[in-house]
Structure formats: C-alpha cells, structure tokens
Amino acid sequence: MLLEHDKMLGEIHVKLDSFTISLKEQLSFNKKLENQVANFKSQVAYHEKVNAVTMRGGKATRDPPYPEPIPKKNNQNGGSRRRRSSDCTQGKGKN
C-alpha cells in the first residue's frame, strides 16, 4: 500500500513538473506578445485611427486615414472675420 502511494505521488510530481514547464512557456510567450504589441503601438502614429472590418468572405477593409485638421488663423486685429463681396470691391484701384 505504501508503495502504491509513493508511485501515485511520483506520477503527480511528474504531472506538476510538466504543468509548471507549460506555464512558464506560456508566460514567456505572453511577454513576447506584449513586447510585439508595444512595438506595433509605437510604430502607429498617435493621431491615426485604425478601423478594420472583416467581411464574411474573409476580405478585410480599412478606413482611409483622416486628414489632419487645419489650425484656424486669426486676423491681425485679433478676430477671424469673413470678407464680404463689398470689401473686395471697395479697395480696387487704390494702392
């Protein structure tokens, strides 16, 4: 009976060892994957929005990149003002 228990404990020990090795390999793989994701994230521009859709047929689509917004310029008098057509005709001929 004591021999059977030792044999069972030995089998359990072997199974635990193989489980521990598998767990360490999985943790190593996860760390590599985290590094790859971090590298990919650093390569993608911060302002770029990436949208991907996979269709039923397996074909993937991606939205085109959006243009960057153009900053608004202020006039010298401090405010932004639209020109009226009368503004354009009043200054003709004067320099």
Foldseek 3Di string as FASTA:
>chain_A
DVVVVVVVVVVVVVVVVVVVVVVVVVVVVVVVVVVVVVVVVVVDDPPWDWDWDQDPVRDIDIDDTDDDDDDDDADPVGHDDDDDPVNVVVCPPPD
